[in-house]
């Protein structure tokens, strides 16, 4: 009997088996039922979405496209919104680079025995230029030290008397402290900052030299000013 159900190659040629068809029908039926259930769920979801959407008409000014500043930055942050541009229309957003030119104007300059242009021309000749620093200690305790210190402080005034006639009144006892430009220096009579003075003086042979005199403070707390002046000077 078994030989009639199979051919010479071993293939089944007998009648259909009922058990196999039932299994196939059960599997196929289960797949169809699962597909039907998925389709029904999708239909229910599609039907539920339009119900959640509002049916009322929302005006354009009532629509919210972006969150409010309070929601983004928090209630503790103050936000300022400017709807109008405060910059004028004639001013560009990125201004071009402006090269400023300055012009020095001489007003009420003291009278000198030499021409100012001649002194300015000597600035280009470094061979005739000398940088000198005036140094002196403070509160040494004797008259000679105070006298030498006052001589160092008023040395620029003595040079000014030779180069700027009529600027210093020799009859008064109050010296004109050119290097004391701060109000505190003039009030206390003590230098705090190093101050340069440029004068045109002659040597014993009558040769003119340009002197850049650095008047330095005598107090020890301002020794950094003295150090800075010594680094750019030729002597002391």
Protein backbone atom coordinates (compact mmCIF):
# COMPACT_ATOMS: atom_id res chain seq x y z
CA UNK A 1 0.00 0.00 0.00
CA UNK A 2 2.79 2.34 0.84
CA UNK A 3 4.44 1.68 -2.47
CA UNK A 4 1.37 2.88 -4.37
CA UNK A 5 1.39 6.21 -2.54
CA UNK A 6 4.93 7.14 -3.70
CA UNK A 7 6.51 7.11 -7.13
CA UNK A 8 9.91 5.80 -8.05
CA UNK A 9 11.52 9.08 -7.00
CA UNK A 10 9.92 9.08 -3.52
CA UNK A 11 7.31 11.80 -4.20
CA UNK A 12 3.90 11.46 -2.55
CA UNK A 13 1.21 10.70 -5.14
CA UNK A 14 -1.54 9.49 -2.88
CA UNK A 15 -4.82 11.23 -1.87
CA UNK A 16 -4.83 14.52 0.07
CA UNK A 17 -4.39 14.28 3.80
CA UNK A 18 -7.17 15.91 5.84
CA UNK A 19 -4.95 16.72 8.82
CA UNK A 20 -2.54 18.79 6.70
CA UNK A 21 -5.33 20.82 5.16
CA UNK A 22 -6.84 21.49 8.59
CA UNK A 23 -3.51 22.74 9.92
CA UNK A 24 -3.02 24.98 6.94
CA UNK A 25 -6.52 26.36 7.28
CA UNK A 26 -6.01 27.02 10.99
CA UNK A 27 -2.71 28.84 10.38
CA UNK A 28 -4.07 30.81 7.47
CA UNK A 29 -7.18 31.66 9.43
CA UNK A 30 -5.16 32.88 12.42
CA UNK A 31 -3.08 35.14 10.21
CA UNK A 32 -6.19 36.56 8.63
CA UNK A 33 -7.76 37.22 12.01
CA UNK A 34 -4.60 39.00 13.23
CA UNK A 35 -4.54 41.16 10.12
CA UNK A 36 -8.21 42.01 10.58
CA UNK A 37 -7.63 43.02 14.21
CA UNK A 38 -4.69 45.28 13.26
CA UNK A 39 -6.75 46.93 10.56
CA UNK A 40 -9.59 47.54 13.00
CA UNK A 41 -7.20 49.14 15.52
CA UNK A 42 -5.79 51.45 12.84
CA UNK A 43 -9.31 52.43 11.83
CA UNK A 44 -10.16 53.20 15.43
CA UNK A 45 -7.03 55.36 15.81
CA UNK A 46 -7.81 57.20 12.61
CA UNK A 47 -11.36 57.79 13.76
CA UNK A 48 -10.19 59.03 17.18
CA UNK A 49 -7.74 61.69 15.86
CA UNK A 50 -10.32 64.06 14.37
CA UNK A 51 -12.29 63.94 17.59
CA UNK A 52 -9.31 65.29 19.61
CA UNK A 53 -8.76 68.27 17.27
CA UNK A 54 -10.69 71.43 18.25
CA UNK A 55 -13.52 72.36 15.98
CA UNK A 56 -13.52 76.08 16.85
CA UNK A 57 -11.91 78.67 14.56
CA UNK A 58 -8.68 80.17 16.02
CA UNK A 59 -7.80 83.68 14.89
CA UNK A 60 -4.35 84.48 13.57
CA UNK A 61 -3.46 86.80 16.45
CA UNK A 62 -4.51 84.14 18.97
CA UNK A 63 -2.31 81.41 17.56
CA UNK A 64 0.89 80.52 19.41
CA UNK A 65 3.78 79.56 17.19
CA UNK A 66 6.53 79.94 19.84
CA UNK A 67 6.59 79.47 23.63
CA UNK A 68 6.51 82.51 25.88
CA UNK A 69 9.67 83.93 27.44
CA UNK A 70 8.53 82.92 30.92
CA UNK A 71 8.30 79.31 29.82
CA UNK A 72 11.78 79.40 28.27
CA UNK A 73 13.82 81.49 30.74
CA UNK A 74 11.76 81.12 33.91
CA UNK A 75 9.84 83.60 36.06
CA UNK A 76 12.99 85.03 37.71
CA UNK A 77 14.38 86.42 34.44
CA UNK A 78 13.20 89.80 33.17
CA UNK A 79 12.91 89.92 29.38
CA UNK A 80 12.62 93.12 27.35
CA UNK A 81 11.24 93.01 23.80
CA UNK A 82 11.82 96.02 21.54
CA UNK A 83 9.70 96.00 18.42
CA UNK A 84 11.19 99.20 16.97
CA UNK A 85 14.82 99.78 15.98
CA UNK A 86 16.43 102.51 18.07
CA UNK A 87 19.28 103.04 15.59
CA UNK A 88 18.77 105.77 13.03
CA UNK A 89 18.37 104.83 9.37
CA UNK A 90 21.27 107.02 8.27
CA UNK A 91 23.73 105.04 10.42
CA UNK A 92 25.03 101.74 9.01
CA UNK A 93 24.96 98.58 11.07
CA UNK A 94 28.72 98.13 10.61
CA UNK A 95 30.42 101.49 10.45
CA UNK A 96 33.62 101.83 8.40
CA UNK A 97 36.93 102.35 10.14
CA UNK A 98 37.64 106.04 10.65
CA UNK A 99 41.22 107.25 10.79
CA UNK A 100 41.28 110.22 13.14
CA UNK A 101 43.75 113.02 12.60
CA UNK A 102 44.85 115.29 15.41
CA UNK A 103 46.33 118.73 15.07
CA UNK A 104 48.34 120.28 17.88
CA UNK A 105 47.63 123.97 18.33
CA UNK A 106 49.96 126.15 20.31
CA UNK A 107 48.22 128.41 22.82
CA UNK A 108 49.90 130.66 25.38
CA UNK A 109 53.25 128.90 25.21
CA UNK A 110 56.01 130.43 27.34
CA UNK A 111 58.69 132.47 25.65
CA UNK A 112 61.90 130.56 24.94
CA UNK A 113 65.40 131.53 23.87
CA UNK A 114 65.24 129.00 21.04
CA UNK A 115 62.74 128.11 18.36
CA UNK A 116 60.30 125.27 19.09
CA UNK A 117 60.68 123.93 15.56
CA UNK A 118 64.43 123.71 16.04
CA UNK A 119 63.93 121.67 19.21
CA UNK A 120 61.43 119.41 17.40
CA UNK A 121 63.96 118.84 14.60
CA UNK A 122 66.57 117.77 17.13
CA UNK A 123 64.31 114.93 18.23
CA UNK A 124 65.21 113.16 14.99
CA UNK A 125 68.93 113.31 15.80
CA UNK A 126 69.58 110.78 18.55
CA UNK A 127 73.28 111.67 18.74
CA UNK A 128 72.41 115.05 20.26
CA UNK A 129 69.85 113.65 22.69
CA UNK A 130 70.53 112.83 26.33
CA UNK A 131 68.19 111.11 28.80
CA UNK A 132 68.91 112.00 32.42
CA UNK A 133 67.18 110.89 35.63
CA UNK A 134 67.07 113.04 38.76
CA UNK A 135 67.16 110.96 41.95
CA UNK A 136 67.07 111.92 45.60
CA UNK A 137 66.10 110.37 48.92
CA UNK A 138 63.46 111.75 51.25
CA UNK A 139 63.44 112.63 54.99
CA UNK A 140 67.05 111.88 55.76
CA UNK A 141 67.01 114.07 58.87
CA UNK A 142 69.57 116.86 58.27
CA UNK A 143 69.53 120.18 56.54
CA UNK A 144 72.13 119.28 53.92
CA UNK A 145 70.09 116.33 52.70
CA UNK A 146 66.91 118.40 52.52
CA UNK A 147 68.77 121.14 50.72
CA UNK A 148 70.21 118.75 48.17
CA UNK A 149 66.77 117.18 47.73
CA UNK A 150 65.17 120.56 47.15
CA UNK A 151 67.94 121.32 44.68
CA UNK A 152 67.11 118.10 42.83
CA UNK A 153 63.42 118.94 42.83
CA UNK A 154 63.95 122.53 41.69
CA UNK A 155 66.69 121.69 39.21
CA UNK A 156 64.19 121.70 36.38
CA UNK A 157 63.11 125.16 37.46
CA UNK A 158 66.71 126.33 37.29
CA UNK A 159 67.02 124.96 33.78
CA UNK A 160 63.74 126.60 32.88
CA UNK A 161 65.08 129.93 34.04
CA UNK A 162 67.91 129.58 31.53
CA UNK A 163 65.70 128.48 28.65
CA UNK A 164 62.33 130.13 29.48
CA UNK A 165 62.95 133.70 30.65
CA UNK A 166 60.10 135.43 32.44
CA UNK A 167 58.30 132.23 33.51
CA UNK A 168 59.72 132.06 37.05
CA UNK A 169 59.36 134.89 39.50
CA UNK A 170 62.56 134.92 41.53
CA UNK A 171 61.13 137.41 44.03
CA UNK A 172 58.59 134.92 45.40
CA UNK A 173 59.49 132.01 47.65
CA UNK A 174 57.01 129.59 46.02
CA UNK A 175 58.79 127.59 43.27
CA UNK A 176 57.01 126.69 40.05
CA UNK A 177 56.99 122.92 40.19
CA UNK A 178 56.70 121.95 36.53
CA UNK A 179 57.05 118.23 37.17
CA UNK A 180 54.42 118.10 39.93
CA UNK A 181 51.27 117.95 37.83
CA UNK A 182 49.02 116.17 40.34
CA UNK A 183 47.09 118.15 42.92
CA UNK A 184 48.36 115.88 45.69
CA UNK A 185 51.95 116.54 44.65
CA UNK A 186 51.42 120.29 44.66
CA UNK A 187 49.60 120.19 47.99
CA UNK A 188 52.14 118.04 49.85
CA UNK A 189 55.26 119.14 48.01
CA UNK A 190 56.30 115.54 47.27
CA UNK A 191 56.55 113.90 43.86
CA UNK A 192 54.54 110.71 43.33
CA UNK A 193 54.93 110.05 39.60
CA UNK A 194 57.94 110.33 37.31
CA UNK A 195 57.52 113.26 34.97
CA UNK A 196 59.74 114.14 31.97
CA UNK A 197 60.83 117.61 30.94
CA UNK A 198 62.47 118.26 27.57
CA UNK A 199 64.85 121.22 27.43
CA UNK A 200 67.41 122.48 24.96
CA UNK A 201 70.67 123.31 26.76
CA UNK A 202 74.25 124.07 25.74
CA UNK A 203 77.45 122.50 26.97
CA UNK A 204 80.65 124.32 27.88
CA UNK A 205 81.63 124.42 24.22
CA UNK A 206 78.35 126.02 23.18
CA UNK A 207 76.99 122.86 21.52
CA UNK A 208 73.23 122.46 21.92
CA UNK A 209 71.91 119.17 23.26
CA UNK A 210 68.38 118.01 23.84
CA UNK A 211 67.92 116.86 27.44
CA UNK A 212 65.03 114.64 28.48
CA UNK A 213 65.07 115.06 32.25
CA UNK A 214 63.07 112.55 34.31
CA UNK A 215 62.10 113.90 37.72
CA UNK A 216 61.54 110.87 39.99
CA UNK A 217 59.91 110.62 43.43
CA UNK A 218 62.13 110.49 46.50
CA UNK A 219 59.87 108.35 48.68
CA UNK A 220 60.82 104.68 48.92
CA UNK A 221 57.26 103.55 48.25
CA UNK A 222 57.51 104.98 44.73
CA UNK A 223 60.75 103.21 43.84
CA UNK A 224 59.07 101.55 40.86
CA UNK A 225 58.78 104.97 39.23
CA UNK A 226 62.52 105.46 39.72
CA UNK A 227 63.28 102.04 38.24
CA UNK A 228 61.19 102.76 35.16
CA UNK A 229 62.94 106.09 34.66
CA UNK A 230 66.41 104.54 35.01
CA UNK A 231 65.71 101.96 32.31
CA UNK A 232 65.19 104.65 29.67
CA UNK A 233 67.88 107.08 30.86
CA UNK A 234 71.54 107.37 29.93
CA UNK A 235 72.68 108.47 33.38
CA UNK A 236 71.63 109.62 36.84
